[in-house]
C-alpha atoms as a PDB file:
ATOM      1  CA  MET A   1      -7.012  -8.990  14.730  1.00  0.00           C
ATOM      2  CA  ASP A   2      -5.311  -9.535  18.068  1.00  0.00           C
ATOM      3  CA  ASP A   3      -1.782 -10.964  18.287  1.00  0.00           C
ATOM      4  CA  ALA A   4      -2.892 -14.594  18.297  1.00  0.00           C
ATOM      5  CA  GLU A   5      -5.150 -14.241  15.262  1.00  0.00           C
ATOM      6  CA  ALA A   6      -2.646 -12.068  13.411  1.00  0.00           C
ATOM      7  CA  GLU A   7       0.085 -14.658  13.937  1.00  0.00           C
ATOM      8  CA  ALA A   8      -2.038 -17.411  12.394  1.00  0.00           C
ATOM      9  CA  VAL A   9      -3.537 -15.340   9.583  1.00  0.00           C
ATOM     10  CA  VAL A  10      -0.316 -13.609   8.525  1.00  0.00           C
ATOM     11  CA  TYR A  11       1.518 -16.945   8.505  1.00  0.00           C
ATOM     12  CA  GLU A  12      -1.232 -18.336   6.230  1.00  0.00           C
ATOM     13  CA  ALA A  13      -1.002 -15.261   3.993  1.00  0.00           C
ATOM     14  CA  LEU A  14       2.755 -15.599   3.631  1.00  0.00           C
ATOM     15  CA  SER A  15       2.345 -19.304   2.856  1.00  0.00           C
ATOM     16  CA  THR A  16      -0.244 -18.410   0.194  1.00  0.00           C
ATOM     17  CA  GLY A  17       2.146 -16.012  -1.522  1.00  0.00           C
ATOM     18  CA  PHE A  18       1.480 -12.582  -0.059  1.00  0.00           C
ATOM     19  CA  ARG A  19       4.621 -10.548   0.573  1.00  0.00           C
ATOM     20  CA  LEU A  20       3.284  -7.191   1.804  1.00  0.00           C
ATOM     21  CA  ILE A  21       2.081  -7.141   5.406  1.00  0.00           C
ATOM     22  CA  ASP A  22       0.347  -4.021   6.728  1.00  0.00           C
ATOM     23  CA  THR A  23       0.061  -3.383  10.462  1.00  0.00           C
ATOM     24  CA  ALA A  24       0.078  -0.432  12.881  1.00  0.00           C
ATOM     25  CA  VAL A  25       0.681   0.382  16.535  1.00  0.00           C
ATOM     26  CA  ASN A  26      -3.034   0.996  16.995  1.00  0.00           C
ATOM     27  CA  TYR A  27      -3.946  -2.406  15.552  1.00  0.00           C
ATOM     28  CA  GLU A  28      -2.249  -3.877  18.629  1.00  0.00           C
ATOM     29  CA  ASN A  29      -1.004  -6.915  16.721  1.00  0.00           C
ATOM     30  CA  GLU A  30       2.589  -6.083  15.752  1.00  0.00           C
ATOM     31  CA  THR A  31       3.867  -8.873  18.036  1.00  0.00           C
ATOM     32  CA  GLY A  32       1.715 -11.464  16.272  1.00  0.00           C
ATOM     33  CA  VAL A  33       2.764 -10.165  12.853  1.00  0.00           C
ATOM     34  CA  GLY A  34       6.408 -10.416  13.851  1.00  0.00           C
ATOM     35  CA  ARG A  35       6.003 -13.989  15.063  1.00  0.00           C
ATOM     36  CA  ALA A  36       4.363 -14.992  11.777  1.00  0.00           C
ATOM     37  CA  ILE A  37       7.181 -13.443   9.744  1.00  0.00           C
ATOM     38  CA  LYS A  38       9.754 -15.282  11.830  1.00  0.00           C
ATOM     39  CA  ASP A  39       7.882 -18.594  11.647  1.00  0.00           C
ATOM     40  CA  SER A  40       7.504 -18.292   7.858  1.00  0.00           C
ATOM     41  CA  LEU A  41      11.300 -18.746   7.507  1.00  0.00           C
ATOM     42  CA  LEU A  42      11.197 -16.439   4.481  1.00  0.00           C
ATOM     43  CA  PRO A  43      14.296 -14.324   3.827  1.00  0.00           C
ATOM     44  CA  ARG A  44      13.786 -10.873   5.351  1.00  0.00           C
ATOM     45  CA  ASP A  45      14.205  -9.104   2.025  1.00  0.00           C
ATOM     46  CA  GLU A  46      11.270 -11.069   0.572  1.00  0.00           C
ATOM     47  CA  VAL A  47       8.723  -9.657   3.038  1.00  0.00           C
ATOM     48  CA  PHE A  48       7.667  -6.010   2.841  1.00  0.00           C
ATOM     49  CA  VAL A  49       6.510  -4.797   6.254  1.00  0.00           C
ATOM     50  CA  THR A  50       4.482  -1.631   6.840  1.00  0.00           C
ATOM     51  CA  THR A  51       3.617  -0.166  10.223  1.00  0.00           C
ATOM     52  CA  LYS A  52       2.250   3.193  11.320  1.00  0.00           C
ATOM     53  CA  LEU A  53       2.902   6.013  13.760  1.00  0.00           C
ATOM     54  CA  PRO A  54      -0.066   6.649  16.099  1.00  0.00           C
ATOM     55  CA  GLY A  55      -1.327  10.154  16.814  1.00  0.00           C
ATOM     56  CA  ARG A  56      -0.165  10.117  20.433  1.00  0.00           C
ATOM     57  CA  ASP A  57       3.439   9.782  19.224  1.00  0.00           C
ATOM     58  CA  HIS A  58       3.461  12.676  16.758  1.00  0.00           C
ATOM     59  CA  GLY A  59       6.328  15.096  17.232  1.00  0.00           C
ATOM     60  CA  THR A  60      10.110  14.612  17.187  1.00  0.00           C
ATOM     61  CA  ASP A  61      11.702  12.469  19.927  1.00  0.00           C
ATOM     62  CA  SER A  62       8.414  10.613  20.434  1.00  0.00           C
ATOM     63  CA  VAL A  63       8.552   9.346  16.838  1.00  0.00           C
ATOM     64  CA  ARG A  64      11.860   7.600  17.447  1.00  0.00           C
ATOM     65  CA  ARG A  65      10.556   6.023  20.648  1.00  0.00           C
ATOM     66  CA  SER A  66       7.428   4.847  18.854  1.00  0.00           C
ATOM     67  CA  LEU A  67       9.392   3.260  16.020  1.00  0.00           C
ATOM     68  CA  GLU A  68      11.730   1.548  18.476  1.00  0.00           C
ATOM     69  CA  GLY A  69       8.665   0.095  20.196  1.00  0.00           C
ATOM     70  CA  SER A  70       7.285  -1.168  16.885  1.00  0.00           C
ATOM     71  CA  LEU A  71      10.610  -2.736  15.912  1.00  0.00           C
ATOM     72  CA  GLY A  72      10.801  -4.476  19.287  1.00  0.00           C
ATOM     73  CA  ARG A  73       7.308  -5.911  18.973  1.00  0.00           C
ATOM     74  CA  LEU A  74       7.890  -6.963  15.362  1.00  0.00           C
ATOM     75  CA  GLY A  75      11.271  -8.456  16.168  1.00  0.00           C
ATOM     76  CA  LEU A  76      12.839  -6.568  13.253  1.00  0.00           C
ATOM     77  CA  ASP A  77      15.731  -4.162  12.857  1.00  0.00           C
ATOM     78  CA  ARG A  78      13.893  -2.078  10.256  1.00  0.00           C
ATOM     79  CA  VAL A  79      10.490  -1.654   8.616  1.00  0.00           C
ATOM     80  CA  ASP A  80      10.144  -1.262   4.873  1.00  0.00           C
ATOM     81  CA  LEU A  81       7.476   1.436   5.018  1.00  0.00           C
ATOM     82  CA  TYR A  82       6.602   3.744   7.909  1.00  0.00           C
ATOM     83  CA  LEU A  83       3.391   5.762   7.686  1.00  0.00           C
ATOM     84  CA  ILE A  84       1.801   8.560   9.712  1.00  0.00           C
ATOM     85  CA  HIS A  85      -1.462   6.791  10.527  1.00  0.00           C
ATOM     86  CA  TRP A  86      -3.694   9.898  10.666  1.00  0.00           C
ATOM     87  CA  PRO A  87      -2.703  13.573  10.220  1.00  0.00           C
ATOM     88  CA  ASN A  88      -4.558  14.858  13.302  1.00  0.00           C
ATOM     89  CA  PRO A  89      -4.309  18.428  11.923  1.00  0.00           C
ATOM     90  CA  LYS A  90      -5.678  20.090  15.051  1.00  0.00           C
ATOM     91  CA  HIS A  91      -2.474  19.085  16.830  1.00  0.00           C
ATOM     92  CA  GLY A  92      -0.316  20.484  14.023  1.00  0.00           C
ATOM     93  CA  LEU A  93       2.557  17.990  14.407  1.00  0.00           C
ATOM     94  CA  TYR A  94       2.488  15.962  11.209  1.00  0.00           C
ATOM     95  CA  VAL A  95       5.190  18.045   9.491  1.00  0.00           C
ATOM     96  CA  ASP A  96       7.582  17.584  12.422  1.00  0.00           C
ATOM     97  CA  SER A  97       6.717  13.895  12.527  1.00  0.00           C
ATOM     98  CA  PHE A  98       7.382  13.451   8.818  1.00  0.00           C
ATOM     99  CA  ARG A  99      10.730  15.238   9.075  1.00  0.00           C
ATOM    100  CA  THR A 100      11.794  12.977  11.945  1.00  0.00           C
ATOM    101  CA  MET A 101      10.681   9.882  10.043  1.00  0.00           C
ATOM    102  CA  LEU A 102      12.917  10.901   7.130  1.00  0.00           C
ATOM    103  CA  GLU A 103      15.838  11.097   9.564  1.00  0.00           C
ATOM    104  CA  LEU A 104      15.051   7.573  10.733  1.00  0.00           C
ATOM    105  CA  ARG A 105      15.012   6.476   7.102  1.00  0.00           C
ATOM    106  CA  ASP A 106      18.437   8.012   6.553  1.00  0.00           C
ATOM    107  CA  GLU A 107      19.679   6.034   9.580  1.00  0.00           C
ATOM    108  CA  GLY A 108      18.481   2.794   7.990  1.00  0.00           C
ATOM    109  CA  LEU A 109      15.683   2.048  10.459  1.00  0.00           C
ATOM    110  CA  VAL A 110      13.010   2.675   7.796  1.00  0.00           C
ATOM    111  CA  GLY A 111      13.023   1.860   4.088  1.00  0.00           C
ATOM    112  CA  SER A 112      10.492   4.440   2.898  1.00  0.00           C
ATOM    113  CA  VAL A 113       8.370   7.098   4.574  1.00  0.00           C
ATOM    114  CA  GLY A 114       4.759   7.775   3.741  1.00  0.00           C
ATOM    115  CA  VAL A 115       1.444   8.915   5.149  1.00  0.00           C
ATOM    116  CA  SER A 116      -2.084   7.644   5.544  1.00  0.00           C
ATOM    117  CA  ASN A 117      -5.397   9.491   5.282  1.00  0.00           C
ATOM    118  CA  PHE A 118      -3.747  12.728   4.102  1.00  0.00           C
ATOM    119  CA  THR A 119      -5.447  15.122   1.695  1.00  0.00           C
ATOM    120  CA  PRO A 120      -3.625  16.573  -1.336  1.00  0.00           C
ATOM    121  CA  GLU A 121      -3.388  19.894   0.539  1.00  0.00           C
ATOM    122  CA  MET A 122      -1.658  18.208   3.473  1.00  0.00           C
ATOM    123  CA  VAL A 123       0.752  16.462   1.111  1.00  0.00           C
ATOM    124  CA  ASP A 124       1.541  19.787  -0.577  1.00  0.00           C
ATOM    125  CA  GLU A 125       2.348  21.239   2.843  1.00  0.00           C
ATOM    126  CA  LEU A 126       4.815  18.422   3.515  1.00  0.00           C
ATOM    127  CA  ILE A 127       6.504  18.995   0.161  1.00  0.00           C
ATOM    128  CA  ALA A 128       6.700  22.756   0.733  1.00  0.00           C
ATOM    129  CA  LYS A 129       8.041  22.571   4.286  1.00  0.00           C
ATOM    130  CA  VAL A 130      10.210  19.449   4.148  1.00  0.00           C
ATOM    131  CA  GLY A 131      11.206  19.392   0.500  1.00  0.00           C
ATOM    132  CA  GLU A 132      10.235  15.792  -0.092  1.00  0.00           C
ATOM    133  CA  ALA A 133       7.010  14.002  -0.938  1.00  0.00           C
ATOM    134  CA  PRO A 134       5.811  10.894   0.887  1.00  0.00           C
ATOM    135  CA  THR A 135       6.339   7.735  -1.132  1.00  0.00           C
ATOM    136  CA  VAL A 136       2.857   6.442  -0.279  1.00  0.00           C
ATOM    137  CA  ASN A 137      -0.518   7.736   0.872  1.00  0.00           C
ATOM    138  CA  GLN A 138      -2.807   4.986   2.157  1.00  0.00           C
ATOM    139  CA  VAL A 139      -6.417   6.164   2.000  1.00  0.00           C
ATOM    140  CA  GLU A 140      -9.979   4.907   1.916  1.00  0.00           C
ATOM    141  CA  LEU A 141     -10.650   4.072  -1.720  1.00  0.00           C
ATOM    142  CA  GLN A 142     -13.176   1.720  -3.297  1.00  0.00           C
ATOM    143  CA  PRO A 143     -15.602   1.825  -6.258  1.00  0.00           C
ATOM    144  CA  GLN A 144     -18.159   4.080  -4.573  1.00  0.00           C
ATOM    145  CA  TYR A 145     -15.415   6.429  -3.296  1.00  0.00           C
ATOM    146  CA  GLN A 146     -12.791   6.615  -6.028  1.00  0.00           C
ATOM    147  CA  GLN A 147     -10.759   9.641  -4.885  1.00  0.00           C
ATOM    148  CA  GLU A 148     -10.063  10.729  -8.473  1.00  0.00           C
ATOM    149  CA  GLN A 149      -8.723  14.186  -7.551  1.00  0.00           C
ATOM    150  CA  LEU A 150      -6.369  12.727  -4.954  1.00  0.00           C
ATOM    151  CA  ARG A 151      -5.193  10.012  -7.349  1.00  0.00           C
ATOM    152  CA  ALA A 152      -4.433  12.517 -10.096  1.00  0.00           C
ATOM    153  CA  HIS A 153      -2.533  14.744  -7.672  1.00  0.00           C
ATOM    154  CA  HIS A 154      -0.505  11.845  -6.266  1.00  0.00           C
ATOM    155  CA  HIS A 155       0.291  10.266  -9.614  1.00  0.00           C
ATOM    156  CA  GLY A 156       1.602  13.668 -10.702  1.00  0.00           C
ATOM    157  CA  HIS A 157       3.961  13.666  -7.720  1.00  0.00           C
ATOM    158  CA  ARG A 158       4.903   9.962  -8.152  1.00  0.00           C
ATOM    159  CA  ILE A 159       3.204   9.083  -4.865  1.00  0.00           C
ATOM    160  CA  LEU A 160       1.830   5.554  -4.701  1.00  0.00           C
ATOM    161  CA  VAL A 161      -1.819   5.396  -3.666  1.00  0.00           C
ATOM    162  CA  GLU A 162      -2.725   2.459  -1.415  1.00  0.00           C
ATOM    163  CA  ALA A 163      -6.351   1.614  -0.701  1.00  0.00           C
ATOM    164  CA  TRP A 164      -7.538   0.477   2.700  1.00  0.00           C
ATOM    165  CA  ALA A 165     -10.942  -1.206   2.816  1.00  0.00           C
ATOM    166  CA  PRO A 166     -10.673  -1.626  -0.986  1.00  0.00           C
ATOM    167  CA  LEU A 167     -13.787  -3.811  -1.099  1.00  0.00           C
ATOM    168  CA  GLY A 168     -15.838  -1.451   1.069  1.00  0.00           C
ATOM    169  CA  TYR A 169     -17.027  -1.885   4.629  1.00  0.00           C
ATOM    170  CA  ASP A 170     -19.879  -4.245   3.830  1.00  0.00           C
ATOM    171  CA  SER A 171     -21.010  -6.451   0.985  1.00  0.00           C
ATOM    172  CA  LYS A 172     -22.876  -3.733  -0.955  1.00  0.00           C
ATOM    173  CA  MET A 173     -20.198  -3.334  -3.624  1.00  0.00           C
ATOM    174  CA  LEU A 174     -19.735  -7.088  -3.914  1.00  0.00           C
ATOM    175  CA  GLU A 175     -23.466  -7.489  -4.409  1.00  0.00           C
ATOM    176  CA  HIS A 176     -23.874  -4.684  -6.957  1.00  0.00           C
ATOM    177  CA  GLU A 177     -25.393  -6.075 -10.129  1.00  0.00           C
ATOM    178  CA  TRP A 178     -22.784  -4.473 -12.405  1.00  0.00           C
ATOM    179  CA  VAL A 179     -19.912  -5.959 -10.404  1.00  0.00           C
ATOM    180  CA  GLN A 180     -21.597  -9.356 -10.437  1.00  0.00           C
ATOM    181  CA  GLU A 181     -22.215  -9.141 -14.197  1.00  0.00           C
ATOM    182  CA  ILE A 182     -18.560  -8.318 -14.845  1.00  0.00           C
ATOM    183  CA  ALA A 183     -17.508 -11.157 -12.544  1.00  0.00           C
ATOM    184  CA  ALA A 184     -19.700 -13.599 -14.456  1.00  0.00           C
ATOM    185  CA  ASP A 185     -18.317 -12.408 -17.807  1.00  0.00           C
ATOM    186  CA  GLN A 186     -14.738 -12.769 -16.553  1.00  0.00           C
ATOM    187  CA  GLY A 187     -15.294 -16.047 -14.714  1.00  0.00           C
ATOM    188  CA  ARG A 188     -14.072 -14.341 -11.529  1.00  0.00           C
ATOM    189  CA  THR A 189     -15.466 -13.401  -8.133  1.00  0.00           C
ATOM    190  CA  PRO A 190     -16.861  -9.903  -7.444  1.00  0.00           C
ATOM    191  CA  ALA A 191     -13.970  -9.295  -5.028  1.00  0.00           C
ATOM    192  CA  GLN A 192     -11.455 -10.162  -7.735  1.00  0.00           C
ATOM    193  CA  VAL A 193     -13.162  -7.729 -10.132  1.00  0.00           C
ATOM    194  CA  ILE A 194     -12.897  -4.888  -7.625  1.00  0.00           C
ATOM    195  CA  LEU A 195      -9.275  -5.661  -6.778  1.00  0.00           C
ATOM    196  CA  ARG A 196      -8.415  -5.865 -10.483  1.00  0.00           C
ATOM    197  CA  TRP A 197     -10.097  -2.469 -10.985  1.00  0.00           C
ATOM    198  CA  HIS A 198      -7.771  -1.055  -8.327  1.00  0.00           C
ATOM    199  CA  VAL A 199      -4.698  -2.524  -9.998  1.00  0.00           C
ATOM    200  CA  GLN A 200      -5.667  -1.234 -13.456  1.00  0.00           C
ATOM    201  CA  SER A 201      -6.357   2.175 -11.899  1.00  0.00           C
ATOM    202  CA  GLY A 202      -2.781   2.380 -10.632  1.00  0.00           C
ATOM    203  CA  VAL A 203      -3.809   1.785  -7.014  1.00  0.00           C
ATOM    204  CA  LEU A 204      -2.391  -0.826  -4.622  1.00  0.00           C
ATOM    205  CA  PRO A 205      -5.278  -2.413  -2.688  1.00  0.00           C
ATOM    206  CA  ILE A 206      -4.737  -3.812   0.827  1.00  0.00           C
ATOM    207  CA  PRO A 207      -7.526  -6.409   1.211  1.00  0.00           C
ATOM    208  CA  LYS A 208      -8.115  -7.955   4.616  1.00  0.00           C
ATOM    209  CA  THR A 209      -9.392 -11.478   5.153  1.00  0.00           C
ATOM    210  CA  SER A 210      -8.799 -14.323   7.580  1.00  0.00           C
ATOM    211  CA  LYS A 211     -10.029 -17.026   5.186  1.00  0.00           C
ATOM    212  CA  ALA A 212      -7.409 -19.004   3.237  1.00  0.00           C
ATOM    213  CA  LYS A 213      -9.678 -19.463   0.187  1.00  0.00           C
ATOM    214  CA  ARG A 214     -10.257 -15.732  -0.120  1.00  0.00           C
ATOM    215  CA  MET A 215      -6.559 -15.022   0.334  1.00  0.00           C
ATOM    216  CA  ALA A 216      -5.813 -17.138  -2.731  1.00  0.00           C
ATOM    217  CA  GLU A 217      -8.601 -15.443  -4.692  1.00  0.00           C
ATOM    218  CA  ASN A 218      -7.443 -11.960  -3.663  1.00  0.00           C
ATOM    219  CA  LEU A 219      -3.935 -12.724  -4.904  1.00  0.00           C
ATOM    220  CA  ASP A 220      -5.143 -14.038  -8.269  1.00  0.00           C
ATOM    221  CA  VAL A 221      -5.698 -10.667  -9.964  1.00  0.00           C
ATOM    222  CA  PHE A 222      -2.671 -10.388 -12.261  1.00  0.00           C
ATOM    223  CA  GLY A 223      -3.033 -12.859 -15.123  1.00  0.00           C
ATOM    224  CA  TRP A 224      -6.103 -11.207 -16.640  1.00  0.00           C
ATOM    225  CA  GLU A 225      -7.602  -7.748 -17.293  1.00  0.00           C
ATOM    226  CA  LEU A 226     -10.908  -5.927 -17.269  1.00  0.00           C
ATOM    227  CA  THR A 227     -11.948  -4.559 -20.645  1.00  0.00           C
ATOM    228  CA  SER A 228     -12.154  -0.822 -21.263  1.00  0.00           C
ATOM    229  CA  ARG A 229     -15.965  -1.072 -21.179  1.00  0.00           C
ATOM    230  CA  GLN A 230     -15.850  -2.906 -17.864  1.00  0.00           C
ATOM    231  CA  MET A 231     -13.477  -0.287 -16.449  1.00  0.00           C
ATOM    232  CA  SER A 232     -15.906   2.421 -17.578  1.00  0.00           C
ATOM    233  CA  ARG A 233     -18.788   0.688 -15.826  1.00  0.00           C
ATOM    234  CA  MET A 234     -16.725   0.441 -12.650  1.00  0.00           C
ATOM    235  CA  LYS A 235     -15.999   4.171 -12.871  1.00  0.00           C
ATOM    236  CA  MET A 236     -19.745   4.845 -12.957  1.00  0.00           C
ATOM    237  CA  LEU A 237     -20.144   3.228  -9.517  1.00  0.00           C
ATOM    238  CA  HIS A 238     -18.581   6.318  -7.932  1.00  0.00           C
ATOM    239  CA  THR A 239     -20.931   8.205  -5.605  1.00  0.00           C
ATOM    240  CA  GLY A 240     -18.362  10.373  -3.817  1.00  0.00           C
ATOM    241  CA  LEU A 241     -19.589   9.147  -0.449  1.00  0.00           C
ATOM    242  CA  SER A 242     -17.104   7.792   2.056  1.00  0.00           C
ATOM    243  CA  ALA A 243     -18.168   4.465   3.542  1.00  0.00           C
ATOM    244  CA  SER A 244     -16.272   5.154   6.760  1.00  0.00           C
ATOM    245  CA  GLY A 245     -17.406   8.743   7.263  1.00  0.00           C
ATOM    246  CA  PHE A 246     -13.923   9.715   8.485  1.00  0.00           C
ATOM    247  CA  ASP A 247     -12.907  13.249   7.490  1.00  0.00           C
ATOM    248  CA  PRO A 248      -9.093  13.698   7.639  1.00  0.00           C
ATOM    249  CA  TRP A 249      -9.589  17.347   8.632  1.00  0.00           C
ATOM    250  CA  GLU A 250     -11.714  16.368  11.638  1.00  0.00           C
ATOM    251  CA  HIS A 251     -10.998  12.764  12.618  1.00  0.00           C
ATOM    252  CA  GLU A 252      -8.381  12.254  15.314  1.00  0.00           C
ATOM    253  CA  GLU A 253      -6.874   8.933  16.217  1.00  0.00           C
ATOM    254  CA  MET A 254      -4.423   8.952  19.093  1.00  0.00           C
END
């Protein structure tokens, strides 16, 4: 979404009841997100804002400059969660970046510090070298790519797992006969079934949509539960294949 679309869509989302807004420098829509938050007239402490450090700003002093740029575009004096967008391991700067982000947290410019697209091994390196675990790791996670090893590792370290593209990149998961059968049994949509599976798995999904009707549906996943049999069937959808094809050890995003 560009700034104009983000402003309209985020305002609609906040009006619908969403309170967590996820953006990033590389999405190029922080200005629109900030306008929507301002226009919503919601108290600042009722909106949880996440943004992300791009690869080109990894390091030490560059992290502070990047955050100051994000705060300016968002029109905020702090963000609630600040993530390293991609580890870019070939550059070898994510430990320094994480350490600097913790300093910014201690100064009150950031509420919590986390990462995105990190492997358990990368997280272990942060813990070993910095002495603190990220609060969040936002990763690709959906029924065909369930990241069970990563989830077990992170839950053991009290790291919240967030799922980007929680419904997949296309409609294949939504059209899977098992998902549709469960949806029919529950009187829900396939998207709601998948999002409820995330919630019951201890994962926070970050669904993206620009349609008001789907926003309301995506939010309505808390007053009901999947049965243990339905959860087992969802677990069997795992193929271990990433839908994006992005390998955190190889992919670089500057």
